[in-house]
Amino acid sequence: MNNKPYRTYRRCVGIMIINQNKEILVGKRLDHPSGFWQMPQGGIDEKENPEDAVWREMMEEIGTNKAKLIKVSNQWINYDIPYETLKTLPWGHKYKGQTQKWFAFQFTGEENDINVGTANPEFSKWKWTKIDSIIDEIVPFKRNVYSAILEEFKDIL
C-alpha cells in the first residue's frame, strides 16, 4: 500500500500527430521495458503556457515541428501513475499522476523529418499506428486518457 502524501497532478501536454492516412504517431519509450507505445507528451514548465509547451515538447521528443495545429482539447484529463512507475520518475515524489491538455496536429513534413534520437531521447523508435489499435498498444494506466481524447477528437479522425 502506498501511504505517500501525494498532492496533485503534474501539468502536461499530450500530442496527437496525424498523417495523411489518418494514422497517429506513437513512440516506444526508452525508459519502460514493457514494449508499450505512446503518443508524445511532456511536462509544462513553470510559467509556461500549454501552447508553448506543446511545440517545445514536439521538438524535444520527435525532433521536428513540421505540423499544423488542428484542434485543442476542451478538457484536462487526469490519470494516476502506479507507484512502481511513479517512484522511478524524477518528479514522482511530488505528484500522483498527470493532468494533460491535448493538441491534435496534421503532420506536414516528410518521414525523415521525424527523429526520435534527440538530445535527450525518450523513444527508442516510432511508427504510425491505426486508430483502432492505439488503445491496445498503450500502457494500461493511460488507456482511459486515450479513450477520452480519441472520443473528443473523433471529428478529425
Protein backbone atom coordinates (compact mmCIF):
# COMPACT_ATOMS: atom_id res chain seq x y z
CA MET A 1 0.00 0.00 0.00
CA ASN A 2 1.21 3.48 -0.84
CA ASN A 3 0.98 5.87 2.11
CA LYS A 4 2.86 8.73 0.49
CA PRO A 5 1.01 12.06 0.78
CA TYR A 6 0.77 12.90 -2.94
CA ARG A 7 -0.87 16.20 -3.50
CA THR A 8 -1.68 16.87 -7.08
CA TYR A 9 -1.18 16.17 -10.74
CA ARG A 10 1.74 17.33 -12.88
CA ARG A 11 0.57 19.61 -15.69
CA CYS A 12 1.42 18.19 -19.12
CA VAL A 13 0.60 18.36 -22.78
CA GLY A 14 -0.34 15.42 -24.99
CA ILE A 15 0.47 15.47 -28.69
CA MET A 16 -1.58 13.66 -31.33
CA ILE A 17 0.12 13.89 -34.71
CA ILE A 18 -1.93 12.59 -37.63
CA ASN A 19 -0.60 11.77 -41.09
CA GLN A 20 -2.41 11.95 -44.43
CA ASN A 21 -3.63 8.35 -43.94
CA LYS A 22 -5.33 9.24 -40.62
CA GLU A 23 -2.69 7.26 -38.69
CA ILE A 24 -1.29 8.52 -35.39
CA LEU A 25 2.38 8.86 -34.48
CA VAL A 26 3.49 6.80 -31.48
CA GLY A 27 6.87 6.08 -29.94
CA LYS A 28 8.26 3.20 -27.90
CA ARG A 29 9.53 4.55 -24.56
CA LEU A 30 13.22 4.09 -23.79
CA ASP A 31 12.69 4.05 -20.02
CA HIS A 32 10.00 1.38 -19.90
CA PRO A 33 10.73 -2.26 -20.79
CA SER A 34 7.05 -3.09 -21.35
CA GLY A 35 7.02 -2.75 -25.11
CA PHE A 36 4.09 -0.33 -24.95
CA TRP A 37 3.84 2.65 -27.30
CA GLN A 38 2.52 6.14 -26.62
CA MET A 39 1.87 9.46 -28.27
CA PRO A 40 4.42 12.19 -27.43
CA GLN A 41 3.71 14.08 -24.23
CA GLY A 42 5.59 16.19 -21.73
CA GLY A 43 5.52 18.49 -18.77
CA ILE A 44 4.59 22.13 -18.81
CA ASP A 45 7.36 24.19 -17.24
CA GLU A 46 6.57 26.70 -14.51
CA LYS A 47 5.23 29.93 -16.05
CA GLU A 48 4.95 28.22 -19.47
CA ASN A 49 1.60 28.09 -21.23
CA PRO A 50 0.36 24.82 -22.76
CA GLU A 51 0.62 26.14 -26.34
CA ASP A 52 4.33 26.95 -25.93
CA ALA A 53 4.93 23.66 -24.13
CA VAL A 54 3.41 21.54 -26.89
CA TRP A 55 5.71 22.96 -29.58
CA ARG A 56 8.77 22.61 -27.30
CA GLU A 57 7.89 19.04 -26.39
CA MET A 58 7.32 18.13 -30.02
CA MET A 59 10.87 19.22 -30.88
CA GLU A 60 12.33 17.52 -27.80
CA GLU A 61 10.61 14.18 -28.44
CA ILE A 62 10.41 13.78 -32.21
CA GLY A 63 12.91 16.34 -33.48
CA THR A 64 10.51 18.26 -35.71
CA ASN A 65 7.66 20.72 -35.51
CA LYS A 66 6.53 20.31 -39.11
CA ALA A 67 2.89 20.15 -38.19
CA LYS A 68 -0.22 22.28 -38.30
CA LEU A 69 -2.35 22.63 -35.17
CA ILE A 70 -5.88 21.49 -35.93
CA LYS A 71 -7.58 21.01 -32.56
CA VAL A 72 -7.11 21.60 -28.82
CA SER A 73 -8.97 19.54 -26.23
CA ASN A 74 -11.69 21.25 -24.22
CA GLN A 75 -10.71 19.30 -21.13
CA TRP A 76 -7.76 18.49 -18.92
CA ILE A 77 -7.58 14.73 -18.42
CA ASN A 78 -6.11 13.32 -15.19
CA TYR A 79 -4.55 9.93 -14.69
CA ASP A 80 -2.83 8.28 -11.77
CA ILE A 81 0.52 6.60 -12.27
CA PRO A 82 1.12 3.28 -10.48
CA TYR A 83 3.51 3.64 -7.54
CA GLU A 84 6.09 1.25 -9.03
CA THR A 85 6.37 3.51 -12.08
CA LEU A 86 6.00 6.76 -10.15
CA LYS A 87 8.97 6.03 -7.90
CA THR A 88 11.25 5.83 -10.98
CA LEU A 89 10.32 9.32 -12.19
CA PRO A 90 12.34 12.38 -11.15
CA TRP A 91 9.13 14.18 -10.12
CA GLY A 92 7.42 11.05 -8.74
CA HIS A 93 7.83 12.11 -5.12
CA LYS A 94 5.76 15.24 -5.72
CA TYR A 95 2.82 14.15 -7.89
CA LYS A 96 0.41 11.22 -8.04
CA GLY A 97 -0.06 11.44 -11.79
CA GLN A 98 -0.54 13.86 -14.62
CA THR A 99 -3.21 16.19 -15.92
CA GLN A 100 -2.99 16.65 -19.66
CA LYS A 101 -4.19 19.20 -22.20
CA TRP A 102 -4.22 17.54 -25.63
CA PHE A 103 -3.36 19.03 -29.01
CA ALA A 104 -4.01 17.45 -32.43
CA PHE A 105 -1.76 18.23 -35.38
CA GLN A 106 -1.71 17.39 -39.06
CA PHE A 107 1.83 16.28 -39.92
CA THR A 108 3.19 18.46 -42.74
CA GLY A 109 6.72 17.12 -43.02
CA GLU A 110 8.40 14.12 -44.58
CA GLU A 111 9.03 10.81 -42.81
CA ASN A 112 12.76 11.60 -42.50
CA ASP A 113 11.96 14.82 -40.59
CA ILE A 114 10.95 12.67 -37.61
CA ASN A 115 13.96 11.92 -35.42
CA VAL A 116 13.50 10.31 -32.00
CA GLY A 117 17.29 10.33 -31.47
CA THR A 118 17.13 13.81 -29.95
CA ALA A 119 19.49 15.34 -27.35
CA ASN A 120 17.52 13.70 -24.52
CA PRO A 121 15.67 10.87 -26.24
CA GLU A 122 12.51 9.42 -24.76
CA PHE A 123 11.66 6.96 -27.55
CA SER A 124 13.74 4.11 -28.99
CA LYS A 125 11.67 4.08 -32.20
CA TRP A 126 8.49 5.47 -33.70
CA LYS A 127 5.75 4.38 -36.09
CA TRP A 128 2.38 5.36 -37.48
CA THR A 129 -0.43 3.35 -35.95
CA LYS A 130 -4.07 2.84 -36.83
CA ILE A 131 -6.69 4.49 -34.65
CA ASP A 132 -8.40 1.18 -33.92
CA SER A 133 -5.23 -0.39 -32.45
CA ILE A 134 -3.78 2.53 -30.47
CA ILE A 135 -5.61 1.71 -27.22
CA ASP A 136 -4.26 -1.85 -27.19
CA GLU A 137 -0.69 -0.60 -27.67
CA ILE A 138 -0.68 1.91 -24.80
CA VAL A 139 0.38 1.21 -21.23
CA PRO A 140 -2.80 0.15 -19.36
CA PHE A 141 -2.89 3.07 -16.89
CA LYS A 142 -3.17 5.56 -19.79
CA ARG A 143 -5.93 3.77 -21.71
CA ASN A 144 -8.76 5.86 -20.22
CA VAL A 145 -6.94 9.04 -21.27
CA TYR A 146 -6.52 7.78 -24.82
CA SER A 147 -10.16 6.67 -24.99
CA ALA A 148 -11.32 10.11 -23.83
CA ILE A 149 -9.12 12.02 -26.26
CA LEU A 150 -9.99 9.78 -29.22
CA GLU A 151 -13.66 10.42 -28.43
CA GLU A 152 -13.12 14.19 -28.21
CA PHE A 153 -11.08 14.27 -31.43
CA LYS A 154 -13.26 11.81 -33.39
CA ASP A 155 -14.47 14.55 -35.73
CA ILE A 156 -10.94 15.00 -37.13
CA LEU A 157 -10.12 11.30 -37.21
